[in-house]
Protein backbone atom coordinates (compact mmCIF):
# COMPACT_ATOMS: atom_id res chain seq x y z
CA MET A 1 31.95 -52.68 -0.01
CA LYS A 2 29.91 -52.84 -3.22
CA LYS A 3 29.14 -56.50 -2.62
CA ASN A 4 27.99 -55.71 0.91
CA LYS A 5 25.67 -52.98 -0.39
CA LYS A 6 24.29 -55.38 -2.95
CA PHE A 7 23.67 -58.01 -0.26
CA ILE A 8 21.94 -55.48 2.01
CA TYR A 9 19.73 -54.31 -0.88
CA LEU A 10 18.65 -57.84 -1.78
CA THR A 11 18.03 -58.66 1.89
CA GLN A 12 15.71 -55.65 2.24
CA LEU A 13 13.90 -56.56 -0.98
CA CYS A 14 13.38 -60.13 0.22
CA LEU A 15 11.97 -58.91 3.54
CA LEU A 16 9.49 -56.70 1.69
CA THR A 17 8.37 -59.39 -0.76
CA GLY A 18 8.49 -62.35 1.63
CA MET A 19 10.82 -64.32 -0.64
CA PRO A 20 13.61 -66.38 0.98
CA LEU A 21 16.96 -64.74 0.36
CA PHE A 22 18.86 -67.73 -0.95
CA GLY A 23 15.96 -68.85 -3.15
CA PHE A 24 15.72 -65.31 -4.50
CA ILE A 25 19.39 -64.98 -5.41
CA GLY A 26 19.60 -68.52 -6.71
CA GLN A 27 17.04 -68.29 -9.45
CA SER A 28 19.60 -69.34 -12.02
CA LYS A 29 20.16 -72.59 -10.11
CA ALA A 30 16.51 -73.60 -10.12
CA GLN A 31 15.91 -77.24 -10.94
CA GLU A 32 12.63 -76.92 -12.81
CA VAL A 33 12.59 -75.46 -16.32
CA ILE A 34 9.18 -74.30 -17.50
CA THR A 35 8.09 -73.48 -21.02
CA ILE A 36 5.93 -70.52 -21.88
CA GLN A 37 2.94 -72.85 -22.34
CA GLN A 38 3.49 -74.32 -18.89
CA ALA A 39 3.56 -70.80 -17.44
CA ILE A 40 0.29 -70.03 -19.21
CA ASP A 41 -1.32 -73.29 -18.04
CA SER A 42 -0.26 -72.64 -14.45
CA THR A 43 -1.72 -69.13 -14.57
CA LEU A 44 -5.01 -70.30 -16.06
CA LYS A 45 -5.28 -72.99 -13.40
CA ASN A 46 -4.44 -70.93 -10.32
CA ASN A 47 -5.15 -67.26 -11.05
CA LEU A 48 -7.75 -65.75 -8.75
CA GLN A 49 -9.15 -63.38 -11.39
CA ILE A 50 -10.30 -66.38 -13.41
CA LYS A 51 -11.93 -67.92 -10.36
CA GLN A 52 -13.81 -64.68 -9.71
CA ALA A 53 -15.05 -64.63 -13.30
CA GLN A 54 -16.14 -68.26 -12.94
CA PHE A 55 -18.12 -67.41 -9.80
CA ASN A 56 -19.91 -64.64 -11.71
CA TYR A 57 -20.75 -67.20 -14.40
CA ALA A 58 -22.17 -69.53 -11.74
CA LEU A 59 -24.36 -66.69 -10.41
CA SER A 60 -25.69 -65.99 -13.92
CA ASP A 61 -26.46 -69.68 -14.35
CA GLU A 62 -28.46 -69.60 -11.12
CA ASN A 63 -30.32 -66.49 -12.31
CA LEU A 64 -31.29 -68.31 -15.49
CA LYS A 65 -32.61 -71.29 -13.54
CA GLN A 66 -34.62 -68.99 -11.29
CA SER A 67 -36.18 -67.14 -14.23
CA LYS A 68 -37.32 -70.50 -15.65
CA ASN A 69 -38.73 -71.55 -12.28
CA ALA A 70 -40.69 -68.28 -12.18
CA LEU A 71 -43.06 -69.82 -14.77
CA LEU A 72 -44.20 -72.41 -12.23
CA PRO A 73 -47.27 -71.91 -10.00
CA THR A 74 -46.82 -70.63 -6.48
CA LEU A 75 -48.08 -72.57 -3.44
CA ASN A 76 -47.99 -71.15 0.09
CA ALA A 77 -49.37 -72.22 3.46
CA ASN A 78 -50.11 -69.87 6.37
CA SER A 79 -51.31 -70.36 9.90
CA GLY A 80 -51.68 -68.19 12.95
CA PHE A 81 -52.59 -68.21 16.62
CA ASN A 82 -54.14 -65.17 18.36
CA LYS A 83 -55.10 -64.43 21.95
CA ASN A 84 -57.75 -61.74 21.93
CA PHE A 85 -58.66 -59.26 24.71
CA GLY A 86 -61.44 -56.68 24.88
CA ARG A 87 -63.78 -55.96 21.99
CA SER A 88 -62.90 -57.97 18.88
CA ILE A 89 -64.47 -60.00 16.10
CA ASP A 90 -65.04 -63.65 16.73
CA PRO A 91 -63.67 -65.43 13.60
CA SER A 92 -66.24 -68.21 13.98
CA THR A 93 -69.36 -66.01 14.06
CA ASN A 94 -67.98 -62.75 12.61
CA GLN A 95 -69.66 -60.91 15.48
CA TYR A 96 -68.17 -58.44 17.97
CA ILE A 97 -67.64 -59.82 21.42
CA SER A 98 -66.00 -58.42 24.55
CA GLN A 99 -64.31 -61.35 26.13
CA GLN A 100 -60.99 -63.13 26.14
CA PHE A 101 -60.60 -66.00 23.68
CA ASN A 102 -58.06 -67.87 21.57
CA SER A 103 -58.27 -68.33 17.82
CA ILE A 104 -56.39 -70.45 15.31
CA ASN A 105 -56.52 -70.09 11.52
CA GLY A 106 -54.81 -71.71 8.59
CA ASN A 107 -54.95 -71.52 4.81
CA LEU A 108 -53.32 -72.85 1.69
CA SER A 109 -53.15 -70.69 -1.45
CA ALA A 110 -51.87 -71.20 -5.00
CA GLY A 111 -51.37 -68.80 -7.90
CA LEU A 112 -50.34 -68.85 -11.53
CA ASP A 113 -49.60 -65.99 -13.93
CA LEU A 114 -51.44 -66.69 -17.18
CA PHE A 115 -50.23 -63.60 -19.04
CA SER A 116 -47.81 -60.82 -18.07
CA GLY A 117 -46.82 -59.23 -21.35
CA TRP A 118 -44.32 -62.01 -22.10
CA GLN A 119 -42.00 -60.44 -19.53
CA LYS A 120 -41.07 -63.73 -17.90
CA LEU A 121 -40.31 -65.38 -21.23
CA ASN A 122 -38.22 -62.42 -22.34
CA GLN A 123 -36.44 -62.45 -18.97
CA ILE A 124 -35.45 -66.06 -19.59
CA LYS A 125 -34.09 -65.12 -23.02
CA GLN A 126 -32.14 -62.21 -21.58
CA ASN A 127 -30.69 -64.34 -18.78
CA LYS A 128 -29.48 -66.84 -21.37
CA LEU A 129 -27.64 -64.00 -23.10
CA LEU A 130 -26.27 -62.73 -19.78
CA LEU A 131 -25.03 -66.26 -19.10
CA ASP A 132 -23.20 -66.13 -22.44
CA VAL A 133 -21.81 -62.73 -21.39
CA ASP A 134 -20.27 -64.12 -18.21
CA LYS A 135 -19.06 -67.25 -19.97
CA THR A 136 -17.33 -65.11 -22.59
CA ASN A 137 -15.97 -62.87 -19.85
CA VAL A 138 -14.18 -65.90 -18.39
CA ASP A 139 -12.53 -66.41 -21.77
CA LYS A 140 -11.65 -62.70 -21.92
CA VAL A 141 -9.98 -62.79 -18.50
CA LYS A 142 -8.01 -65.86 -19.59
CA ASN A 143 -6.96 -64.17 -22.82
CA ASP A 144 -5.83 -61.03 -21.01
CA LEU A 145 -3.81 -63.11 -18.57
CA ILE A 146 -2.19 -65.05 -21.41
CA LEU A 147 -0.89 -61.80 -22.87
CA GLN A 148 0.38 -60.73 -19.44
CA VAL A 149 2.19 -64.05 -19.01
CA VAL A 150 3.78 -63.77 -22.45
CA THR A 151 4.96 -60.25 -21.60
CA ALA A 152 6.35 -61.32 -18.21
CA TYR A 153 7.98 -64.43 -19.68
CA MET A 154 9.66 -62.36 -22.41
CA GLN A 155 10.85 -59.90 -19.78
CA VAL A 156 12.55 -62.72 -17.88
CA LEU A 157 14.29 -63.92 -21.04
CA TYR A 158 15.32 -60.37 -21.91
CA ASN A 159 16.73 -59.70 -18.44
CA LYS A 160 18.56 -63.03 -18.45
CA ASP A 161 20.37 -62.09 -21.64
CA LEU A 162 21.14 -58.62 -20.30
CA LEU A 163 22.61 -60.16 -17.15
CA LYS A 164 24.79 -62.48 -19.24
CA VAL A 165 26.03 -59.51 -21.28
CA ALA A 166 26.68 -57.51 -18.10
CA LYS A 167 28.71 -60.35 -16.59
CA ASP A 168 30.70 -60.77 -19.79
CA GLN A 169 31.42 -57.06 -19.78
CA LEU A 170 32.54 -57.26 -16.16
CA ASP A 171 34.92 -60.13 -16.99
CA VAL A 172 36.44 -58.07 -19.81
CA ALA A 173 36.80 -55.04 -17.52
CA LYS A 174 38.49 -57.10 -14.81
CA GLN A 175 40.87 -58.66 -17.31
CA GLN A 176 41.70 -55.21 -18.61
CA LEU A 177 42.34 -53.88 -15.10
CA ASN A 178 44.63 -56.82 -14.35
CA GLN A 179 46.53 -56.20 -17.57
CA GLN A 180 46.85 -52.48 -16.82
CA GLN A 181 48.27 -53.21 -13.39
CA GLN A 182 50.87 -55.56 -14.88
CA LEU A 183 51.86 -52.94 -17.45
CA LEU A 184 52.05 -50.31 -14.71
CA GLU A 185 54.53 -52.46 -12.82
CA VAL A 186 56.89 -52.49 -15.81
CA GLY A 187 56.41 -48.78 -16.46
CA ASN A 188 54.32 -48.98 -19.64
CA LYS A 189 51.17 -47.49 -18.11
CA THR A 190 50.33 -44.57 -15.85
CA LEU A 191 48.09 -44.23 -12.81
CA ALA A 192 45.57 -42.46 -15.03
CA ASP A 193 45.24 -45.64 -17.09
CA ILE A 194 44.69 -47.66 -13.91
CA SER A 195 42.02 -45.21 -12.73
CA GLN A 196 40.24 -45.47 -16.06
CA ALA A 197 40.29 -49.28 -15.87
CA LYS A 198 39.01 -49.25 -12.28
CA SER A 199 36.21 -46.92 -13.30
CA GLN A 200 35.24 -49.33 -16.07
CA VAL A 201 35.16 -52.23 -13.57
CA ALA A 202 33.00 -50.22 -11.14
CA THR A 203 30.58 -49.33 -13.92
CA SER A 204 30.40 -52.96 -15.03
CA GLU A 205 29.75 -54.12 -11.46
CA LEU A 206 26.89 -51.64 -11.17
CA ASN A 207 25.46 -52.92 -14.47
CA VAL A 208 25.61 -56.50 -13.17
CA THR A 209 23.86 -55.50 -9.93
CA ASN A 210 21.11 -53.68 -11.82
CA ALA A 211 20.70 -56.60 -14.23
CA GLU A 212 20.43 -59.08 -11.34
CA ASN A 213 17.82 -56.93 -9.61
CA ASN A 214 15.80 -56.55 -12.81
CA LEU A 215 15.94 -60.28 -13.43
CA ASN A 216 14.82 -61.11 -9.90
CA ILE A 217 11.92 -58.69 -10.14
CA SER A 218 10.82 -60.11 -13.50
CA PHE A 219 10.96 -63.64 -12.03
CA LEU A 220 8.84 -62.42 -9.13
CA SER A 221 6.26 -60.85 -11.49
CA LEU A 222 5.90 -64.10 -13.42
CA THR A 223 5.66 -66.08 -10.18
CA GLN A 224 2.84 -63.86 -8.94
CA LEU A 225 0.93 -64.21 -12.22
CA MET A 226 1.11 -68.00 -11.85
CA GLU A 227 -0.13 -67.64 -8.24
CA LYS A 228 2.88 -69.58 -7.00
CA PRO A 229 4.44 -69.07 -3.54
CA ALA A 230 7.29 -66.58 -3.36
CA SER A 231 9.68 -69.41 -2.49
CA TYR A 232 8.98 -71.18 -5.80
CA THR A 233 12.10 -71.21 -7.98
CA PHE A 234 12.27 -72.12 -11.65
CA GLU A 235 14.04 -71.46 -14.91
CA VAL A 236 12.54 -70.47 -18.24
CA GLN A 237 13.16 -72.07 -21.60
CA ALA A 238 14.85 -69.81 -24.11
CA PRO A 239 13.45 -69.59 -27.65
CA LEU A 240 14.99 -71.64 -30.41
CA VAL A 241 17.13 -69.89 -32.98
CA ASP A 242 14.61 -70.40 -35.78
CA GLN A 243 11.97 -68.62 -33.70
CA LEU A 244 13.64 -65.39 -34.74
CA ALA A 245 13.31 -66.18 -38.45
CA VAL A 246 9.92 -64.53 -38.68
CA LEU A 247 8.47 -64.63 -42.16
CA ASN A 248 6.24 -61.59 -42.23
CA THR A 249 3.42 -62.86 -44.40
CA TYR A 250 0.67 -61.55 -42.14
CA SER A 251 -2.13 -59.48 -43.63
CA ALA A 252 -3.72 -57.07 -41.16
CA ASN A 253 -7.18 -57.59 -42.63
CA GLU A 254 -6.88 -61.37 -42.48
CA VAL A 255 -5.70 -61.24 -38.87
CA TYR A 256 -8.58 -58.92 -37.96
CA ASN A 257 -11.20 -61.09 -39.68
CA THR A 258 -9.94 -64.12 -37.79
CA ALA A 259 -9.78 -62.30 -34.46
CA ALA A 260 -13.19 -60.62 -34.89
CA SER A 261 -14.89 -63.99 -35.28
CA ASN A 262 -13.47 -65.64 -32.17
CA PHE A 263 -11.86 -62.98 -29.96
CA PRO A 264 -13.61 -62.86 -26.54
CA ASP A 265 -13.70 -59.04 -26.38
CA VAL A 266 -15.82 -58.87 -29.56
CA LYS A 267 -18.07 -61.75 -28.50
CA LEU A 268 -18.55 -60.15 -25.10
CA ALA A 269 -19.62 -56.84 -26.64
CA SER A 270 -21.97 -58.65 -29.04
CA PHE A 271 -23.72 -60.62 -26.28
CA ARG A 272 -24.15 -57.46 -24.22
CA THR A 273 -25.83 -55.77 -27.18
CA LEU A 274 -28.23 -58.69 -27.63
CA ALA A 275 -29.03 -58.67 -23.90
CA ALA A 276 -29.72 -54.94 -24.01
CA ALA A 277 -32.07 -55.46 -26.98
CA LYS A 278 -33.98 -58.09 -25.02
CA ALA A 279 -34.30 -55.63 -22.11
CA ILE A 280 -36.44 -53.45 -24.40
CA ASP A 281 -38.92 -56.33 -24.86
CA ILE A 282 -39.03 -56.84 -21.10
CA ALA A 283 -39.79 -53.15 -20.52
CA LYS A 284 -42.54 -53.19 -23.18
CA GLY A 285 -44.29 -55.92 -21.22
CA SER A 286 -45.44 -53.23 -18.75
CA TYR A 287 -47.82 -51.90 -21.41
CA PHE A 288 -49.90 -55.10 -21.40
CA PRO A 289 -52.62 -56.26 -18.98
CA ARG A 290 -51.81 -58.97 -16.48
CA LEU A 291 -53.99 -62.04 -16.01
CA SER A 292 -53.48 -64.45 -13.17
CA MET A 293 -55.37 -67.36 -11.64
CA GLY A 294 -55.52 -68.24 -7.99
CA GLY A 295 -57.16 -70.57 -5.55
CA GLY A 296 -57.00 -71.58 -1.95
CA LEU A 297 -58.58 -73.25 1.06
CA GLY A 298 -58.64 -72.52 4.77
CA SER A 299 -60.37 -72.89 8.10
CA ASN A 300 -60.33 -71.45 11.63
CA TYR A 301 -61.13 -72.21 15.27
CA SER A 302 -62.25 -69.98 18.15
CA SER A 303 -62.33 -70.91 21.83
CA SER A 304 -65.29 -68.54 22.35
CA PHE A 305 -67.51 -70.88 20.41
CA THR A 306 -67.91 -73.44 23.18
CA THR A 307 -70.75 -75.43 21.65
CA GLN A 308 -68.49 -77.03 19.07
CA SER A 309 -65.27 -78.93 19.41
CA PHE A 310 -62.03 -78.07 17.67
CA SER A 311 -62.54 -80.67 14.93
CA SER A 312 -66.13 -79.64 14.36
CA GLN A 313 -65.17 -75.99 13.94
CA ILE A 314 -62.36 -76.83 11.56
CA LYS A 315 -64.77 -78.91 9.50
CA ASP A 316 -67.64 -76.42 9.54
CA ASN A 317 -65.41 -73.39 8.84
CA PHE A 318 -63.56 -75.06 5.99
CA GLY A 319 -63.78 -72.91 2.83
CA GLN A 320 -62.32 -72.90 -0.69
CA TYR A 321 -62.06 -70.41 -3.47
CA VAL A 322 -60.82 -70.17 -7.07
CA GLY A 323 -60.72 -67.14 -9.34
CA LEU A 324 -59.13 -64.99 -12.00
CA SER A 325 -57.49 -61.62 -11.55
CA LEU A 326 -57.05 -59.06 -14.34
CA SER A 327 -54.92 -55.94 -13.97
CA VAL A 328 -55.04 -53.35 -16.76
CA PRO A 329 -52.44 -50.54 -16.70
CA ILE A 330 -54.10 -47.22 -17.49
CA PHE A 331 -51.89 -44.52 -16.04
CA ASN A 332 -48.89 -44.97 -13.74
CA GLY A 333 -46.94 -41.75 -14.10
CA PHE A 334 -45.45 -42.80 -17.44
CA ASN A 335 -43.30 -45.39 -15.65
CA ALA A 336 -43.69 -47.95 -18.43
CA ARG A 337 -42.84 -45.44 -21.15
CA SER A 338 -39.80 -44.21 -19.23
CA SER A 339 -38.58 -47.79 -18.69
CA VAL A 340 -38.84 -48.52 -22.41
CA ARG A 341 -37.02 -45.33 -23.34
CA LYS A 342 -34.19 -46.03 -20.90
CA ALA A 343 -33.89 -49.59 -22.22
CA ARG A 344 -33.60 -48.26 -25.77
CA ILE A 345 -30.91 -45.76 -24.70
CA SER A 346 -28.96 -48.56 -23.00
CA TYR A 347 -29.27 -50.65 -26.14
CA GLU A 348 -27.91 -47.86 -28.35
CA ASN A 349 -25.07 -47.33 -25.92
CA THR A 350 -24.08 -51.00 -25.90
CA ARG A 351 -24.37 -51.12 -29.71
CA ILE A 352 -21.92 -48.21 -29.98
CA GLN A 353 -19.66 -49.89 -27.42
CA GLU A 354 -19.66 -53.04 -29.56
CA GLN A 355 -18.59 -51.03 -32.60
CA LEU A 356 -15.91 -49.26 -30.56
CA THR A 357 -14.60 -52.66 -29.47
CA LYS A 358 -14.37 -53.80 -33.08
CA ASN A 359 -12.75 -50.54 -34.16
CA ASN A 360 -10.24 -50.73 -31.33
CA LEU A 361 -9.39 -54.34 -32.17
CA ASN A 362 -8.95 -53.39 -35.82
CA LYS A 363 -6.65 -50.52 -34.85
CA ILE A 364 -4.61 -52.68 -32.46
CA ILE A 365 -4.15 -55.46 -35.02
CA HIS A 366 -3.11 -53.10 -37.82
CA GLN A 367 -0.66 -51.49 -35.39
CA ALA A 368 0.63 -54.91 -34.32
CA VAL A 369 1.27 -56.00 -37.91
CA ALA A 370 3.04 -52.70 -38.65
CA ASP A 371 5.08 -53.05 -35.44
CA LEU A 372 6.10 -56.56 -36.47
CA LYS A 373 7.42 -55.29 -39.79
CA ALA A 374 9.31 -52.50 -38.03
CA ALA A 375 10.68 -54.95 -35.44
CA GLU A 376 12.06 -57.20 -38.17
CA SER A 377 13.87 -54.28 -39.77
CA ARG A 378 15.11 -53.02 -36.41
CA PHE A 379 16.48 -56.42 -35.40
CA ALA A 380 18.32 -56.77 -38.69
CA SER A 381 19.76 -53.26 -38.31
CA THR A 382 20.84 -53.70 -34.69
CA LYS A 383 22.40 -57.07 -35.48
CA ASN A 384 24.43 -55.52 -38.29
CA ALA A 385 25.38 -52.62 -36.02
CA PHE A 386 26.51 -55.02 -33.29
CA ASP A 387 28.58 -57.06 -35.73
CA ALA A 388 30.24 -53.85 -36.94
CA GLN A 389 30.91 -52.60 -33.39
CA LYS A 390 32.26 -56.00 -32.38
CA ASP A 391 34.70 -55.99 -35.30
CA ALA A 392 35.67 -52.40 -34.54
CA PHE A 393 36.30 -53.23 -30.91
CA TYR A 394 38.44 -56.21 -31.90
CA VAL A 395 40.67 -53.89 -33.94
CA ILE A 396 40.85 -51.32 -31.12
CA ASP A 397 41.62 -54.06 -28.62
CA GLN A 398 44.47 -55.41 -30.73
CA ARG A 399 45.95 -51.94 -31.15
CA TYR A 400 45.45 -51.21 -27.48
CA GLN A 401 47.43 -54.29 -26.52
CA VAL A 402 50.50 -52.91 -28.32
CA GLY A 403 50.04 -49.36 -27.07
CA LEU A 404 48.75 -47.76 -30.30
CA VAL A 405 45.43 -46.69 -28.70
CA ASN A 406 44.93 -44.91 -25.38
CA SER A 407 42.63 -46.12 -22.62
CA LEU A 408 39.95 -43.50 -23.38
CA ASP A 409 39.55 -44.69 -26.97
CA TYR A 410 39.51 -48.28 -25.76
CA SER A 411 36.81 -47.49 -23.18
CA THR A 412 34.75 -45.68 -25.82
CA ALA A 413 34.96 -48.61 -28.21
CA LEU A 414 33.98 -51.05 -25.45
CA THR A 415 31.01 -48.88 -24.46
CA ASN A 416 29.85 -48.68 -28.09
CA LYS A 417 30.06 -52.45 -28.45
CA ASN A 418 28.18 -53.03 -25.22
CA LYS A 419 25.43 -50.60 -26.21
CA ALA A 420 25.11 -52.20 -29.65
CA GLU A 421 24.80 -55.64 -28.05
CA THR A 422 22.15 -54.42 -25.61
CA ASP A 423 20.20 -52.81 -28.45
CA MET A 424 20.36 -56.04 -30.44
CA ILE A 425 19.06 -58.09 -27.50
CA GLN A 426 16.22 -55.66 -26.97
CA ALA A 427 15.34 -55.74 -30.67
CA LYS A 428 15.48 -59.55 -30.67
CA TYR A 429 12.92 -59.95 -27.90
CA ASP A 430 10.83 -57.10 -29.24
CA LEU A 431 10.60 -58.96 -32.53
CA LEU A 432 9.79 -62.26 -30.84
CA PHE A 433 7.15 -60.67 -28.61
CA LYS A 434 5.40 -58.92 -31.50
CA ALA A 435 5.32 -62.16 -33.47
CA LYS A 436 3.71 -63.92 -30.50
CA VAL A 437 1.17 -61.12 -30.18
CA ILE A 438 0.02 -61.85 -33.73
CA ASP A 439 -0.27 -65.54 -32.83
CA TYR A 440 -2.30 -64.47 -29.79
CA TYR A 441 -4.82 -62.59 -31.96
CA LEU A 442 -5.00 -65.50 -34.37
CA GLY A 443 -5.84 -67.83 -31.49
CA LYS A 444 -2.72 -69.94 -31.96
CA GLN A 445 -0.97 -71.74 -29.16
CA ILE A 446 2.01 -69.69 -27.98
CA VAL A 447 5.05 -71.93 -27.82
CA PHE A 448 8.82 -71.74 -28.21
């Protein structure tokens, strides 16, 4: 019955997630074994968040190109055809007439800004900084995903070990139940002992089911991070033994100094501050006069002017002009002053945000180094506790075999050993994860 419930549960979960049932249950039989670096590479190659960040970078690059092109002269051509009725001005004679006629006009105009308060130049400089912002944001998204992959990968390893422990515990419980039944047949045990052994088996089966479900879910989380199809099956490479021999020689200040110089979050905040500072210069450009140069040529034709042909009118009406235009801001409702003040406020805000980013990074790194030290101590303690509980259980088991210990004491000793082993496994991967987090902040390649 328990196996049927387990099968039904997994079937429902597969229907919800879209994962094939046999591929989902058979994770442990996957042919491909991937390392943590391969998982990271797959995520960085396929993840949609990175592609979105790259599209934003491409848009910023286009904005930069456009701001540079804004320095070029403008050239525009216009033409029009009109059919006039009633009283209107004849474009050929500039006199009012009251008759129906057709008119055609065309012109070509060019313009060039000679001075605009250096706004266009400052806009180019700001767009360069904004391009650096989006480029750094791509690196930030990648970095954040790397940490997520490391977390998910560690969770898979952790759940694999827990499943192995749960299965070992189930084997012990089944062996104990079989032994109890044999002793019951010869009169050395009671039904109460059998009930206790059956209860231990049921509990162990539930632990195995929970461990399998947790493992499958952690596999699914890692698969989704790598943007792989739900049917993709794989195995993960376990860390080497010497990976746990962490020599805690890290200095929090040294780690922070290294991270602050190359960590994308800090670079991103710095570029945003520089871009906000350049926005002040752009806003100040509104205080200055604007000088522009323009020129053009054009001609027109009117059907009302019957004494001349189309070509003659176009030739006779052909005109050109060239000139300068100066615009001096005198009073515009304090718009320029307000724009400058708002730009300065934005700059101060981004400057504070940059400092908050550095402070937060400093806090996180100091906490990470302290956590690593604590994790080393905790792993050593839990390992010693497990060794002690394992030895204690061995003694209880030997005494239980000859009837010197009752089933309740045996069950208690087994539970204590199992809990100590679970705590040790958790401490082991906690230690390994925290060591990899330090490597992450140092910009090292995360490998096993």
